[in-house]
N, C-alpha and C. Protein backbone atom coordinates (compact mmCIF):
# COMPACT_ATOMS: atom_id res chain seq x y z
N MET A 1 12.11 18.48 -23.44
CA MET A 1 13.20 18.43 -22.49
C MET A 1 12.67 17.92 -21.14
N VAL A 2 13.45 17.06 -20.53
CA VAL A 2 13.15 16.54 -19.20
C VAL A 2 14.42 16.67 -18.37
N GLY A 3 14.35 17.41 -17.27
CA GLY A 3 15.53 17.59 -16.44
C GLY A 3 16.70 18.18 -17.18
N GLY A 4 16.42 19.03 -18.16
CA GLY A 4 17.49 19.67 -18.93
C GLY A 4 18.06 18.81 -20.03
N ARG A 5 17.46 17.63 -20.27
CA ARG A 5 17.95 16.74 -21.32
C ARG A 5 16.88 16.55 -22.38
N ALA A 6 17.30 16.46 -23.61
CA ALA A 6 16.37 16.21 -24.72
C ALA A 6 15.80 14.80 -24.57
N LEU A 7 14.53 14.65 -24.90
CA LEU A 7 13.88 13.34 -24.78
C LEU A 7 14.62 12.26 -25.56
N ARG A 8 15.21 12.61 -26.69
CA ARG A 8 15.91 11.62 -27.51
C ARG A 8 17.17 11.08 -26.81
N GLU A 9 17.67 11.81 -25.82
CA GLU A 9 18.88 11.39 -25.11
C GLU A 9 18.58 10.49 -23.90
N ILE A 10 17.32 10.37 -23.54
CA ILE A 10 16.94 9.60 -22.36
C ILE A 10 16.72 8.14 -22.73
N ASP A 11 17.30 7.24 -21.93
CA ASP A 11 17.13 5.80 -22.13
C ASP A 11 15.66 5.45 -21.87
N LEU A 12 14.97 4.94 -22.88
CA LEU A 12 13.54 4.67 -22.79
C LEU A 12 13.22 3.63 -21.72
N LYS A 13 14.03 2.58 -21.62
CA LYS A 13 13.79 1.56 -20.60
C LYS A 13 13.91 2.16 -19.20
N TRP A 14 14.93 2.97 -18.95
CA TRP A 14 15.09 3.64 -17.66
C TRP A 14 13.92 4.58 -17.40
N TRP A 15 13.54 5.36 -18.40
CA TRP A 15 12.45 6.33 -18.25
C TRP A 15 11.15 5.63 -17.84
N ARG A 16 10.84 4.53 -18.48
CA ARG A 16 9.61 3.78 -18.16
C ARG A 16 9.68 3.18 -16.76
N SER A 17 10.87 2.83 -16.30
CA SER A 17 11.00 2.26 -14.96
C SER A 17 10.78 3.32 -13.88
N GLN A 18 10.85 4.58 -14.24
CA GLN A 18 10.67 5.67 -13.28
C GLN A 18 9.21 6.10 -13.13
N ILE A 19 8.34 5.54 -13.97
CA ILE A 19 6.94 5.95 -13.99
C ILE A 19 6.09 4.90 -13.29
N GLY A 20 5.16 5.35 -12.45
CA GLY A 20 4.25 4.44 -11.77
C GLY A 20 2.83 4.96 -11.89
N LEU A 21 1.89 4.11 -11.62
CA LEU A 21 0.48 4.46 -11.68
C LEU A 21 -0.13 4.34 -10.30
N VAL A 22 -0.80 5.39 -9.87
CA VAL A 22 -1.52 5.37 -8.60
C VAL A 22 -2.99 5.59 -8.92
N GLN A 23 -3.79 4.56 -8.71
CA GLN A 23 -5.21 4.64 -8.99
C GLN A 23 -5.88 5.65 -8.05
N GLN A 24 -6.83 6.39 -8.54
CA GLN A 24 -7.54 7.35 -7.72
C GLN A 24 -8.76 6.74 -7.03
N GLU A 25 -9.21 5.60 -7.52
CA GLU A 25 -10.35 4.93 -6.93
C GLU A 25 -9.86 3.95 -5.87
N PRO A 26 -10.33 4.06 -4.64
CA PRO A 26 -9.91 3.09 -3.63
C PRO A 26 -10.50 1.72 -3.94
N PHE A 27 -9.74 0.71 -3.64
CA PHE A 27 -10.20 -0.65 -3.89
C PHE A 27 -9.82 -1.51 -2.69
N LEU A 28 -10.80 -2.17 -2.12
CA LEU A 28 -10.54 -3.07 -1.00
C LEU A 28 -10.94 -4.48 -1.37
N PHE A 29 -10.14 -5.42 -0.94
CA PHE A 29 -10.51 -6.81 -1.09
C PHE A 29 -11.51 -7.15 -0.01
N ASN A 30 -12.27 -8.20 -0.20
CA ASN A 30 -13.27 -8.61 0.77
C ASN A 30 -12.58 -9.33 1.93
N ASN A 31 -11.80 -8.58 2.69
CA ASN A 31 -11.04 -9.12 3.81
C ASN A 31 -11.01 -8.08 4.92
N THR A 32 -10.21 -8.35 5.94
CA THR A 32 -10.04 -7.39 7.02
C THR A 32 -9.14 -6.24 6.57
N ILE A 33 -9.14 -5.17 7.35
CA ILE A 33 -8.24 -4.06 7.07
C ILE A 33 -6.80 -4.57 7.08
N TYR A 34 -6.47 -5.36 8.09
CA TYR A 34 -5.12 -5.93 8.19
C TYR A 34 -4.75 -6.66 6.90
N GLN A 35 -5.63 -7.55 6.43
CA GLN A 35 -5.32 -8.34 5.24
C GLN A 35 -5.19 -7.46 4.00
N ASN A 36 -6.02 -6.41 3.90
CA ASN A 36 -5.91 -5.50 2.76
C ASN A 36 -4.55 -4.82 2.73
N VAL A 37 -4.08 -4.36 3.89
CA VAL A 37 -2.78 -3.70 3.95
C VAL A 37 -1.66 -4.73 3.76
N GLU A 38 -1.84 -5.92 4.32
CA GLU A 38 -0.83 -6.98 4.21
C GLU A 38 -0.58 -7.37 2.75
N PHE A 39 -1.56 -7.23 1.89
CA PHE A 39 -1.36 -7.55 0.47
C PHE A 39 -0.22 -6.73 -0.12
N GLY A 40 0.05 -5.56 0.47
CA GLY A 40 1.16 -4.74 -0.01
C GLY A 40 2.53 -5.34 0.24
N LEU A 41 2.60 -6.37 1.05
CA LEU A 41 3.88 -7.03 1.33
C LEU A 41 4.22 -8.10 0.31
N ILE A 42 3.27 -8.47 -0.53
CA ILE A 42 3.51 -9.50 -1.54
C ILE A 42 4.58 -9.00 -2.51
N GLY A 43 5.57 -9.84 -2.74
CA GLY A 43 6.65 -9.48 -3.64
C GLY A 43 7.78 -8.73 -2.95
N THR A 44 7.71 -8.58 -1.63
CA THR A 44 8.77 -7.91 -0.89
C THR A 44 9.50 -8.92 -0.02
N GLU A 45 10.56 -8.47 0.63
CA GLU A 45 11.32 -9.37 1.51
C GLU A 45 10.51 -9.78 2.74
N TRP A 46 9.40 -9.09 3.02
CA TRP A 46 8.59 -9.39 4.20
C TRP A 46 7.39 -10.28 3.89
N GLU A 47 7.25 -10.71 2.65
CA GLU A 47 6.10 -11.52 2.26
C GLU A 47 5.94 -12.77 3.13
N LYS A 48 7.03 -13.42 3.49
CA LYS A 48 7.00 -14.66 4.27
C LYS A 48 7.37 -14.43 5.74
N ALA A 49 7.34 -13.19 6.19
CA ALA A 49 7.75 -12.87 7.57
C ALA A 49 6.76 -13.43 8.58
N GLU A 50 7.21 -13.55 9.81
CA GLU A 50 6.35 -14.00 10.92
C GLU A 50 5.23 -13.00 11.13
N PHE A 51 4.14 -13.47 11.74
CA PHE A 51 2.96 -12.63 11.97
C PHE A 51 3.31 -11.35 12.72
N GLU A 52 4.11 -11.45 13.77
CA GLU A 52 4.43 -10.27 14.59
C GLU A 52 5.16 -9.20 13.77
N VAL A 53 6.05 -9.64 12.88
CA VAL A 53 6.77 -8.70 12.01
C VAL A 53 5.79 -8.02 11.06
N LYS A 54 4.93 -8.83 10.43
CA LYS A 54 3.94 -8.27 9.51
C LYS A 54 3.00 -7.32 10.24
N LYS A 55 2.61 -7.69 11.44
CA LYS A 55 1.70 -6.85 12.23
C LYS A 55 2.32 -5.47 12.44
N GLU A 56 3.59 -5.43 12.80
CA GLU A 56 4.28 -4.14 13.00
C GLU A 56 4.34 -3.35 11.70
N LEU A 57 4.64 -4.03 10.59
CA LEU A 57 4.71 -3.35 9.29
C LEU A 57 3.36 -2.80 8.87
N VAL A 58 2.31 -3.57 9.09
CA VAL A 58 0.96 -3.12 8.74
C VAL A 58 0.57 -1.92 9.60
N GLN A 59 0.84 -1.99 10.89
CA GLN A 59 0.51 -0.87 11.77
C GLN A 59 1.29 0.38 11.36
N GLN A 60 2.56 0.22 11.01
CA GLN A 60 3.37 1.36 10.58
C GLN A 60 2.83 1.95 9.28
N ALA A 61 2.43 1.09 8.35
CA ALA A 61 1.87 1.57 7.08
C ALA A 61 0.59 2.37 7.32
N CYS A 62 -0.24 1.90 8.24
CA CYS A 62 -1.48 2.63 8.56
C CYS A 62 -1.16 3.99 9.17
N LYS A 63 -0.14 4.05 10.01
CA LYS A 63 0.27 5.33 10.60
C LYS A 63 0.78 6.28 9.52
N GLU A 64 1.62 5.76 8.63
CA GLU A 64 2.19 6.60 7.57
C GLU A 64 1.13 7.09 6.60
N ALA A 65 0.04 6.35 6.47
CA ALA A 65 -1.07 6.75 5.59
C ALA A 65 -2.10 7.60 6.34
N TYR A 66 -1.81 7.90 7.61
CA TYR A 66 -2.72 8.66 8.47
C TYR A 66 -4.09 7.99 8.58
N ALA A 67 -4.09 6.67 8.55
CA ALA A 67 -5.33 5.90 8.67
C ALA A 67 -5.49 5.30 10.05
N ASP A 68 -4.44 5.36 10.87
CA ASP A 68 -4.47 4.68 12.17
C ASP A 68 -5.54 5.25 13.11
N GLU A 69 -5.73 6.56 13.12
CA GLU A 69 -6.74 7.13 14.01
C GLU A 69 -8.14 6.67 13.61
N PHE A 70 -8.41 6.69 12.32
CA PHE A 70 -9.71 6.22 11.82
C PHE A 70 -9.92 4.74 12.16
N ILE A 71 -8.90 3.93 11.90
CA ILE A 71 -8.99 2.49 12.14
C ILE A 71 -9.21 2.20 13.62
N ASN A 72 -8.52 2.91 14.48
CA ASN A 72 -8.63 2.67 15.92
C ASN A 72 -9.99 3.05 16.49
N ARG A 73 -10.77 3.82 15.76
CA ARG A 73 -12.13 4.15 16.21
C ARG A 73 -13.15 3.11 15.78
N LEU A 74 -12.75 2.17 14.94
CA LEU A 74 -13.67 1.13 14.47
C LEU A 74 -13.80 0.03 15.51
N PRO A 75 -14.99 -0.58 15.60
CA PRO A 75 -15.11 -1.74 16.48
C PRO A 75 -14.25 -2.88 15.95
N GLU A 76 -13.62 -3.60 16.80
CA GLU A 76 -12.74 -4.73 16.47
C GLU A 76 -11.51 -4.30 15.67
N VAL A 77 -11.34 -3.05 15.48
CA VAL A 77 -10.18 -2.39 14.90
C VAL A 77 -9.61 -3.08 13.67
N LEU A 78 -8.32 -3.41 13.70
CA LEU A 78 -7.56 -3.81 12.52
C LEU A 78 -8.00 -5.12 11.91
N TYR A 79 -8.53 -6.04 12.70
CA TYR A 79 -8.82 -7.38 12.18
C TYR A 79 -10.29 -7.56 11.83
N ALA A 80 -11.07 -6.48 11.89
CA ALA A 80 -12.50 -6.55 11.57
C ALA A 80 -12.71 -6.53 10.07
N MET A 81 -13.77 -7.17 9.64
CA MET A 81 -14.13 -7.13 8.23
C MET A 81 -14.65 -5.74 7.90
N PRO A 82 -14.30 -5.20 6.73
CA PRO A 82 -14.84 -3.89 6.36
C PRO A 82 -16.34 -3.99 6.09
N CYS A 83 -17.02 -2.90 6.24
CA CYS A 83 -18.46 -2.88 5.98
C CYS A 83 -18.69 -3.08 4.50
N LEU A 84 -19.45 -4.06 4.14
CA LEU A 84 -19.71 -4.36 2.72
C LEU A 84 -20.89 -3.59 2.16
N TYR A 85 -21.67 -2.96 3.01
CA TYR A 85 -22.89 -2.30 2.54
C TYR A 85 -22.89 -0.81 2.80
N CYS A 86 -21.76 -0.23 3.24
CA CYS A 86 -21.70 1.20 3.55
C CYS A 86 -21.60 2.03 2.29
């Protein structure tokens, strides 16, 4: 039973659309913090947005992930390349 309904009564296509995977291992591309977060805009209505719009979205995403304080303590902040040897 799921949500009070028998599994046989649930539409399989709908059920699968409700499931997502969140990897536990962090993965960064060999780019800046900004570019790593900006990759999350691919496939959205903001993918082709102007730089200033994307910049605001990236900054907001960092705040919502509670990463902004950490990022702001880094030299060169958001546009710096991540440490490749840390």
